[in-house]
Protein backbone atom coordinates (compact mmCIF):
# COMPACT_ATOMS: atom_id res chain seq x y z
CA MET A 1 64.23 131.07 44.24
CA SER A 2 65.89 132.63 47.29
CA ILE A 3 66.35 135.89 48.45
CA VAL A 4 69.84 136.44 49.87
CA CYS A 5 71.80 139.42 51.30
CA LEU A 6 74.89 139.66 49.22
CA GLU A 7 77.53 142.42 49.15
CA ASP A 8 80.75 142.00 46.51
CA SER A 9 83.60 140.43 49.47
CA ILE A 10 80.90 137.45 49.17
CA ILE A 11 80.98 137.12 45.32
CA MET A 12 85.01 137.89 45.55
CA LYS A 13 86.01 135.21 48.09
CA PHE A 14 83.86 132.59 46.03
CA VAL A 15 85.49 133.69 42.84
CA GLU A 16 89.26 133.96 44.55
CA ASP A 17 88.69 130.36 46.10
CA THR A 18 89.58 128.60 41.81
CA ASN A 19 88.71 125.21 42.99
CA ALA A 20 85.17 125.77 44.23
CA PHE A 21 84.38 128.29 41.63
CA ASN A 22 85.68 126.11 38.79
CA LYS A 23 83.56 123.14 40.48
CA CYS A 24 80.71 124.96 40.44
CA VAL A 25 81.02 126.71 36.99
CA ASP A 26 82.02 123.11 35.24
CA GLU A 27 78.65 121.89 36.61
CA HIS A 28 76.93 124.65 35.34
CA PHE A 29 78.28 124.18 32.40
CA ALA A 30 77.81 120.47 32.50
CA SER A 31 74.07 121.58 32.45
CA LEU A 32 74.23 123.59 29.59
CA ASP A 33 75.81 121.50 27.47
CA ALA A 34 72.52 120.01 26.05
CA ASN A 35 74.53 117.39 23.21
CA GLY A 36 77.48 116.76 25.73
CA ASP A 37 80.10 117.80 23.20
CA GLY A 38 82.06 119.76 25.25
CA PHE A 39 81.26 122.86 23.61
CA LEU A 40 78.41 125.29 24.22
CA SER A 41 76.81 127.23 21.29
CA ARG A 42 74.72 130.00 20.99
CA SER A 43 71.75 127.92 20.47
CA GLU A 44 72.37 125.74 23.57
CA LEU A 45 73.03 128.84 25.70
CA GLU A 46 69.79 130.83 24.01
CA ASN A 47 67.66 127.76 24.59
CA ARG A 48 68.15 127.91 27.83
CA SER A 49 68.52 131.42 28.79
CA GLY A 50 67.53 132.43 32.64
CA ARG A 51 70.48 129.44 33.12
CA LEU A 52 73.22 131.64 32.96
CA GLY A 53 72.25 131.59 36.53
CA PHE A 54 71.15 135.63 36.68
CA PRO A 55 67.45 135.61 36.71
CA GLU A 56 67.48 139.18 35.46
CA LEU A 57 68.27 137.56 31.92
CA GLU A 58 64.48 136.44 32.14
CA LEU A 59 63.12 139.49 32.45
CA GLN A 60 65.00 141.07 29.37
CA SER A 61 63.64 140.99 26.05
CA ARG A 62 64.77 139.12 23.12
CA GLU A 63 66.65 141.17 21.88
CA GLU A 64 68.48 142.81 24.95
CA ILE A 65 69.25 138.50 25.39
CA ALA A 66 70.37 138.45 21.68
CA GLY A 67 73.01 141.51 22.19
CA GLY A 68 74.18 140.08 25.54
CA TYR A 69 75.54 136.58 23.60
CA ASP A 70 76.57 139.07 20.33
CA LEU A 71 79.19 140.41 23.48
CA ILE A 72 79.70 137.10 25.08
CA PHE A 73 81.00 135.23 21.69
CA GLU A 74 82.63 138.56 20.55
CA ARG A 75 84.89 138.28 23.41
CA PHE A 76 85.40 134.81 24.09
CA ASP A 77 84.88 133.25 20.56
CA ALA A 78 88.33 134.46 19.37
CA GLU A 79 88.26 131.64 16.64
CA ARG A 80 84.83 132.77 15.81
CA THR A 81 83.99 128.62 16.18
CA GLY A 82 80.32 129.80 17.38
CA LYS A 83 81.78 127.70 20.30
CA ILE A 84 82.82 128.65 23.82
CA ASP A 85 84.86 125.38 25.46
CA ARG A 86 84.83 124.86 29.15
CA GLU A 87 87.54 126.95 29.72
CA LYS A 88 86.32 130.40 27.83
CA PHE A 89 83.28 129.92 30.17
CA ARG A 90 84.94 129.66 32.75
CA SER A 91 86.54 133.34 31.68
CA VAL A 92 82.92 133.87 30.90
CA MET A 93 81.35 133.21 34.23
CA LYS A 94 84.21 134.85 36.28
CA GLU A 95 83.93 137.90 34.48
CA LEU A 96 80.36 137.93 34.93
CA MET A 97 80.39 137.30 38.55
CA LEU A 98 83.49 140.54 38.94
CA ALA A 99 81.09 142.74 37.40
CA LYS A 100 78.02 141.66 39.33
CA ALA A 101 80.46 142.05 42.93
CA ARG A 102 81.78 145.73 41.27
CA GLY A 103 78.06 146.79 40.88
CA ILE A 104 76.94 146.05 44.53
CA SER A 105 80.01 147.10 45.96
CA THR A 106 80.16 147.22 49.96
CA SER A 107 76.55 147.76 50.34
CA PRO A 108 74.78 144.73 51.37
CA VAL A 109 71.69 144.45 48.71
CA LEU A 110 68.89 141.62 49.00
CA ILE A 111 69.01 140.18 45.34
CA VAL A 112 66.35 137.03 44.46
CA VAL A 113 68.06 134.27 43.52
CA GLN A 114 67.78 131.16 41.83
CA LYS A 115 69.14 128.02 43.61
CA ASP A 116 71.09 126.46 41.16
CA SER A 117 72.72 130.08 40.16
CA LEU A 118 76.47 131.05 41.07
CA ILE A 119 75.20 133.86 43.21
CA PHE A 120 73.85 131.44 45.40
CA LYS A 121 76.83 128.62 45.25
CA ALA A 122 78.48 132.15 46.55
CA VAL A 123 76.64 132.63 48.91
CA GLN A 124 76.53 129.19 50.39
CA HIS A 125 80.32 129.09 50.01
CA ALA A 126 80.28 132.67 52.56
CA ALA A 127 78.59 130.30 55.11
CA LEU A 128 80.97 127.37 55.31
CA PRO A 129 83.65 127.51 58.25
CA ASN A 130 86.56 128.85 57.21
């Protein structure tokens, strides 16, 4: 884990760079897709709860985490297959990242992040020369 200084523009610019964002999300998707079938099931996500890239998930109760997954599948699994494909996962992660950006706003905050998280990838992306 690392501590980084973060503000909304760092996340927003990362999400707006579609190629960089999708590349990171696709890598993340592959790490979560335990059986390699190209879909994420609820059990794959539940078995890797902290791996969504948000360490605060690890601080929540099982019931709170389950409620979060209920919302994700309710919103992004319209066909009710119990699975989310890569495109839907991109949408989930984009929505979660933009919600984080709105929550942070323009006031810089220090935050603990996992080195394989999308937030950390956003900070790395911001450090790249333009």
